[in-house]
Amino acid sequence: MTTPTTPSMSVVPIHELHVVRHVLTLCTRIQIYTRYVKWTLEAYPSAQNTPQSQLCPLLERATKAFQSSPEYKNDARYLKLWLHYIHLFSDAPRETFAYLARHNIGENLALFYEEFAAWLEGAGRFTQAEEIYNLGIDREARPVERLIRKYGEFQHRLESRPQEAPEPSSPALPAVRPALAAKMDPFALASPSAPSPQPQSQPKTAGGASRSGKPKLAIFSDGDDAARPGSTGSTEGWDSIGSLADRKKENATEARPWAGETLKVGKKNTGVPKMSIFKDEVS
C-alpha cells in the first residue's frame, strides 16, 4: 500500500519576491501620499497654500519620492500630485511643466497636455498652447478622444480671440542647447596629453590685438559643433527641481551658532559733555 504524497508547491524565486515586495511598497506609498494630500485639501479648504496646512512640503516630498521610479512616469496619481504643486505653490509654472516633459512625467497622459495647454492659454500664449495640443495628439496620449475634444474646444476659443494680441515666438518646450547644457571639465585643457596649440594656428579675435599687445576679449558664438570630449554635462534638464524654500533662501538669514559671536551696541558717548540739569535758584 502506497502512502499518498502531497503535491509539491511551486517555489517562487527570491528575486521575484523582492520585485513584488518593491512594487507593493511603492503602491502603498503612493496611496498614502494621495490620501494624505486629499485629506489636507479637505481639512484646509481656505488655507491650502499657507504654512499652517504644511501642504507645500508634503507635495514636495511626494513628488520627489517617485521621481526615479519609471513605473510611475505615466501614473495619473503621480501626475496629479505634480499638478497640485503647480497650481498652488509653483513660482514658475511653465518651467515646472518643462521639467516634467524633460523627465517624461505624464508623457503618455492626456491630462498633462490639457493642463499645460490650459495654463499657456490663460497666459495668452495661444500659439504655444496649440503646439502642446498637437504634441499630445501626435503621441496618442490617453485618452486621446478626450484630448481631441479639448483641442476642438480650444480651436473655437482661438477663432474668437483678437488677432492683434502679441504672443512670444519661442516654442512651448524650449530645447536645451549643447553650449549651455554641457559642463566643461576645467582640468581637461590642462592635461598633459592635450597637444599644445601652435602659435600660427591660433584664431584671430574680432578686434585684433590692442596697443598693449594683449588680445581683446573674444566673443563667443553658438555653432553647430558638438560638445567637447571633456564635457560631462547632460541634456536631460535638472536632476531635481528643488524646494520652494531653497529657491527663496536669499530672503532668509542663515542660522549660525552663537558661540564666539558679539552683539553690536550703540556708540559710546566720548568727548561730549553730559546734559546739564536745570535747577531753580532759591532767593
Protein backbone atom coordinates (compact mmCIF):
# COMPACT_ATOMS: atom_id res chain seq x y z
CA MET A 1 0.00 0.00 0.00
CA THR A 2 1.46 3.29 -1.08
CA THR A 3 1.24 6.40 1.02
CA PRO A 4 -0.37 9.33 -0.82
CA THR A 5 2.01 12.19 -1.34
CA THR A 6 1.05 15.84 -1.27
CA PRO A 7 1.66 17.77 -4.46
CA SER A 8 4.82 19.80 -4.37
CA MET A 9 4.33 23.55 -4.03
CA SER A 10 5.89 25.76 -6.67
CA VAL A 11 8.87 27.61 -5.33
CA VAL A 12 8.97 31.33 -6.13
CA PRO A 13 12.47 32.66 -6.79
CA ILE A 14 13.81 35.08 -4.21
CA HIS A 15 14.49 37.87 -6.73
CA GLU A 16 10.84 37.77 -7.83
CA LEU A 17 9.72 38.12 -4.23
CA HIS A 18 11.90 41.22 -3.90
CA VAL A 19 10.37 42.70 -7.06
CA VAL A 20 6.83 42.02 -5.84
CA ARG A 21 7.61 43.47 -2.42
CA HIS A 22 9.12 46.58 -4.04
CA VAL A 23 6.06 47.11 -6.24
CA LEU A 24 3.66 46.63 -3.33
CA THR A 25 5.68 49.07 -1.24
CA LEU A 26 5.54 51.70 -3.98
CA CYS A 27 1.81 51.21 -4.46
CA THR A 28 1.22 51.56 -0.75
CA ARG A 29 3.39 54.70 -0.55
CA ILE A 30 1.68 56.49 -3.42
CA GLN A 31 -1.73 55.61 -1.99
CA ILE A 32 -0.66 57.04 1.37
CA TYR A 33 0.57 60.26 -0.24
CA THR A 34 -2.57 60.56 -2.36
CA ARG A 35 -4.89 60.11 0.64
CA TYR A 36 -2.79 62.44 2.79
CA VAL A 37 -2.93 65.20 0.17
CA LYS A 38 -6.67 64.69 -0.28
CA TRP A 39 -7.21 64.91 3.47
CA THR A 40 -5.14 68.11 3.70
CA LEU A 41 -7.07 69.73 0.86
CA GLU A 42 -10.36 68.91 2.62
CA ALA A 43 -9.14 69.90 6.08
CA TYR A 44 -7.84 73.29 4.90
CA PRO A 45 -10.29 74.39 2.20
CA SER A 46 -9.48 78.11 2.53
CA ALA A 47 -5.86 77.87 3.73
CA GLN A 48 -4.30 75.33 1.42
CA ASN A 49 -1.31 77.47 0.43
CA THR A 50 -0.49 78.61 3.96
CA PRO A 51 2.22 77.32 6.32
CA GLN A 52 -0.46 76.01 8.69
CA SER A 53 -1.56 73.29 6.27
CA GLN A 54 2.01 72.05 5.59
CA LEU A 55 0.77 71.14 2.12
CA CYS A 56 3.79 72.56 0.30
CA PRO A 57 6.43 70.35 2.00
CA LEU A 58 4.04 67.41 1.71
CA LEU A 59 3.74 67.80 -2.07
CA GLU A 60 7.48 68.32 -2.38
CA ARG A 61 8.16 65.06 -0.58
CA ALA A 62 5.50 63.24 -2.59
CA THR A 63 6.80 64.40 -5.97
CA LYS A 64 10.41 63.56 -5.10
CA ALA A 65 9.57 60.12 -3.70
CA PHE A 66 8.68 58.59 -7.08
CA GLN A 67 10.75 60.69 -9.45
CA SER A 68 13.28 57.91 -10.08
CA SER A 69 10.61 55.19 -10.46
CA PRO A 70 9.92 54.59 -14.18
CA GLU A 71 6.69 52.72 -13.43
CA TYR A 72 5.13 55.96 -12.16
CA LYS A 73 6.17 58.23 -15.03
CA ASN A 74 2.72 57.80 -16.61
CA ASP A 75 0.68 57.18 -13.46
CA ALA A 76 -2.22 59.62 -13.23
CA ARG A 77 -1.98 59.65 -9.42
CA TYR A 78 1.62 60.81 -9.54
CA LEU A 79 0.88 63.42 -12.21
CA LYS A 80 -1.97 64.85 -10.13
CA LEU A 81 0.44 65.36 -7.22
CA TRP A 82 2.60 67.47 -9.51
CA LEU A 83 -0.44 69.40 -10.76
CA HIS A 84 -1.46 70.24 -7.18
CA TYR A 85 2.04 71.60 -6.60
CA ILE A 86 1.99 73.65 -9.80
CA HIS A 87 -1.44 75.18 -9.16
CA LEU A 88 -0.82 76.06 -5.52
CA PHE A 89 2.88 76.68 -4.96
CA SER A 90 4.97 76.80 -8.14
CA ASP A 91 6.58 80.21 -8.71
CA ALA A 92 7.34 79.31 -12.34
CA PRO A 93 4.61 77.00 -13.73
CA ARG A 94 5.92 76.95 -17.31
CA GLU A 95 9.38 75.88 -16.16
CA THR A 96 7.83 73.20 -13.98
CA PHE A 97 5.83 71.82 -16.91
CA ALA A 98 9.02 71.83 -18.99
CA TYR A 99 10.78 69.96 -16.18
CA LEU A 100 8.09 67.26 -16.28
CA ALA A 101 8.39 67.00 -20.05
CA ARG A 102 12.17 66.59 -19.88
CA HIS A 103 11.81 63.77 -17.38
CA ASN A 104 8.96 62.12 -19.37
CA ILE A 105 6.49 62.50 -16.50
CA GLY A 106 2.96 62.30 -17.92
CA GLU A 107 4.25 61.82 -21.46
CA ASN A 108 1.50 59.33 -22.34
CA LEU A 109 -1.28 61.01 -20.34
CA ALA A 110 -3.70 63.47 -21.95
CA LEU A 111 -4.06 65.23 -18.60
CA PHE A 112 -0.53 66.60 -18.84
CA TYR A 113 -1.10 68.23 -22.23
CA GLU A 114 -4.55 69.52 -21.24
CA GLU A 115 -3.25 71.21 -18.09
CA PHE A 116 -0.13 72.60 -19.76
CA ALA A 117 -2.13 73.97 -22.70
CA ALA A 118 -4.74 75.45 -20.34
CA TRP A 119 -2.03 77.32 -18.42
CA LEU A 120 -0.47 78.61 -21.65
CA GLU A 121 -3.90 79.74 -22.88
CA GLY A 122 -4.53 81.56 -19.61
CA ALA A 123 -1.20 83.34 -20.02
CA GLY A 124 -2.15 84.48 -23.53
CA ARG A 125 0.20 82.05 -25.29
CA PHE A 126 -2.30 80.58 -27.77
CA THR A 127 0.32 79.51 -30.30
CA GLN A 128 2.26 77.57 -27.68
CA ALA A 129 -0.95 76.05 -26.34
CA GLU A 130 -1.84 74.78 -29.82
CA GLU A 131 1.65 73.33 -30.09
CA ILE A 132 1.15 71.37 -26.85
CA TYR A 133 -2.24 70.03 -28.02
CA ASN A 134 -0.71 68.85 -31.30
CA LEU A 135 2.19 67.25 -29.45
CA GLY A 136 -0.15 65.24 -27.24
CA ILE A 137 -2.28 64.13 -30.17
CA ASP A 138 0.79 63.06 -32.15
CA ARG A 139 1.94 60.97 -29.17
CA GLU A 140 -1.58 59.49 -28.81
CA ALA A 141 -1.76 60.41 -25.15
CA ARG A 142 -4.57 58.52 -23.47
CA PRO A 143 -7.44 59.07 -23.56
CA VAL A 144 -6.83 60.56 -26.98
CA GLU A 145 -10.57 61.07 -27.64
CA ARG A 146 -10.84 63.48 -24.73
CA LEU A 147 -7.68 65.29 -25.80
CA ILE A 148 -9.06 65.75 -29.33
CA ARG A 149 -12.32 67.07 -27.88
CA LYS A 150 -10.42 69.56 -25.70
CA TYR A 151 -8.42 70.64 -28.73
CA GLY A 152 -11.62 71.26 -30.67
CA GLU A 153 -12.95 73.46 -27.87
CA PHE A 154 -9.66 75.33 -27.84
CA GLN A 155 -9.90 75.98 -31.58
CA HIS A 156 -13.32 77.63 -31.11
CA ARG A 157 -11.84 79.93 -28.48
CA LEU A 158 -8.86 80.57 -30.73
CA GLU A 159 -11.08 81.80 -33.56
CA SER A 160 -12.95 84.24 -31.31
CA ARG A 161 -9.89 85.89 -29.76
CA PRO A 162 -8.47 89.20 -31.09
CA GLN A 163 -5.89 88.59 -33.79
CA GLU A 164 -3.79 91.62 -32.87
CA ALA A 165 -2.77 90.20 -29.50
CA PRO A 166 1.04 89.89 -29.35
CA GLU A 167 2.49 86.49 -28.48
CA PRO A 168 6.01 85.16 -27.93
CA SER A 169 7.57 83.33 -30.85
CA SER A 170 9.54 80.89 -28.71
CA PRO A 171 8.47 77.22 -28.58
CA ALA A 172 6.40 75.92 -25.68
CA LEU A 173 9.10 73.44 -24.66
CA PRO A 174 12.48 75.13 -25.08
CA ALA A 175 15.24 72.92 -26.42
CA VAL A 176 18.41 72.54 -24.39
CA ARG A 177 21.34 73.97 -26.31
CA PRO A 178 24.54 71.91 -26.08
CA ALA A 179 26.61 75.03 -25.44
CA LEU A 180 24.60 75.76 -22.31
CA ALA A 181 23.88 72.22 -21.16
CA ALA A 182 27.47 70.95 -21.32
CA LYS A 183 29.63 71.42 -18.25
CA MET A 184 33.25 71.67 -19.28
CA ASP A 185 35.91 69.94 -17.25
CA PRO A 186 38.30 72.70 -16.08
CA PHE A 187 41.20 70.23 -15.95
CA ALA A 188 40.65 68.82 -19.45
CA LEU A 189 42.52 71.62 -21.18
CA ALA A 190 45.42 71.42 -18.74
CA SER A 191 46.01 67.70 -19.12
CA PRO A 192 49.49 66.67 -20.37
CA SER A 193 48.03 64.54 -23.16
CA ALA A 194 46.35 67.52 -24.80
CA PRO A 195 48.51 68.86 -27.63
CA SER A 196 49.65 72.41 -27.21
CA PRO A 197 48.28 74.75 -29.88
CA GLN A 198 50.70 76.12 -32.45
CA PRO A 199 51.17 79.89 -32.42
CA GLN A 200 50.44 80.23 -36.13
CA SER A 201 47.14 78.29 -35.89
CA GLN A 202 45.58 80.49 -33.22
CA PRO A 203 42.40 82.18 -34.45
CA LYS A 204 42.38 85.93 -34.62
CA THR A 205 39.95 87.84 -32.47
CA ALA A 206 37.32 90.10 -33.92
CA GLY A 207 39.12 93.29 -32.95
CA GLY A 208 42.70 92.12 -33.24
CA ALA A 209 45.35 92.96 -30.67
CA SER A 210 45.36 96.15 -28.66
CA ARG A 211 48.26 98.59 -28.39
CA SER A 212 49.49 96.92 -25.21
CA GLY A 213 49.97 93.65 -27.07
CA LYS A 214 47.21 91.80 -25.21
CA PRO A 215 44.45 90.25 -27.34
CA LYS A 216 40.98 91.62 -26.95
CA LEU A 217 38.14 89.63 -25.45
CA ALA A 218 36.89 87.03 -27.92
CA ILE A 219 33.12 86.95 -28.39
CA PHE A 220 31.53 83.51 -28.07
CA SER A 221 29.02 82.46 -30.71
CA ASP A 222 26.86 79.35 -30.83
CA GLY A 223 27.81 76.89 -33.53
CA ASP A 224 26.81 73.51 -34.84
CA ASP A 225 29.84 71.81 -33.32
CA ALA A 226 29.27 69.01 -30.85
CA ALA A 227 30.29 69.22 -27.23
CA ARG A 228 33.96 68.78 -26.41
CA PRO A 229 35.25 65.39 -25.31
CA GLY A 230 35.89 66.75 -21.83
CA SER A 231 32.23 67.57 -21.37
CA THR A 232 30.38 65.74 -18.64
CA GLY A 233 27.04 67.52 -18.99
CA SER A 234 23.66 66.14 -19.81
CA THR A 235 20.81 67.49 -21.89
CA GLU A 236 18.06 65.91 -19.83
CA GLY A 237 17.50 69.00 -17.69
CA TRP A 238 17.72 69.39 -13.94
CA ASP A 239 18.07 66.34 -11.77
CA SER A 240 15.89 67.96 -9.12
CA ILE A 241 13.66 70.99 -9.19
CA GLY A 242 14.43 71.75 -5.55
CA SER A 243 12.06 73.11 -2.96
CA LEU A 244 10.32 76.44 -2.64
CA ALA A 245 12.35 77.24 0.49
CA ASP A 246 15.64 76.64 -1.37
CA ARG A 247 14.63 78.97 -4.19
CA LYS A 248 13.79 81.72 -1.69
CA LYS A 249 16.76 81.24 0.62
CA GLU A 250 18.27 84.62 -0.32
CA ASN A 251 15.40 86.29 1.55
CA ALA A 252 16.15 84.49 4.82
CA THR A 253 19.14 84.79 7.12
CA GLU A 254 21.10 81.59 7.52
CA ALA A 255 21.17 80.30 11.09
CA ARG A 256 24.62 80.27 12.71
CA PRO A 257 25.86 79.20 16.15
CA TRP A 258 26.06 81.90 18.81
CA ALA A 259 29.44 80.71 20.09
CA GLY A 260 32.02 83.44 19.59
CA GLU A 261 29.51 86.00 18.32
CA THR A 262 29.42 89.55 19.69
CA LEU A 263 26.41 91.82 19.88
CA LYS A 264 26.76 95.25 18.36
CA VAL A 265 25.88 98.08 20.73
CA GLY A 266 25.44 101.77 20.22
CA LYS A 267 28.32 104.20 20.02
CA LYS A 268 29.81 105.28 23.29
CA ASN A 269 29.47 108.92 24.28
CA THR A 270 33.13 110.02 24.28
CA GLY A 271 34.24 113.64 24.28
CA VAL A 272 30.76 115.09 24.56
CA PRO A 273 29.72 116.74 27.82
CA LYS A 274 26.68 115.42 29.57
CA MET A 275 23.45 117.37 29.58
CA SER A 276 23.22 119.73 32.49
CA ILE A 277 20.07 119.61 34.58
CA PHE A 278 18.38 122.97 35.16
CA LYS A 279 17.73 123.88 38.78
CA ASP A 280 15.68 126.78 40.14
CA GLU A 281 17.66 129.19 42.32
CA VAL A 282 16.19 129.84 45.73
CA SER A 283 16.35 133.56 46.64
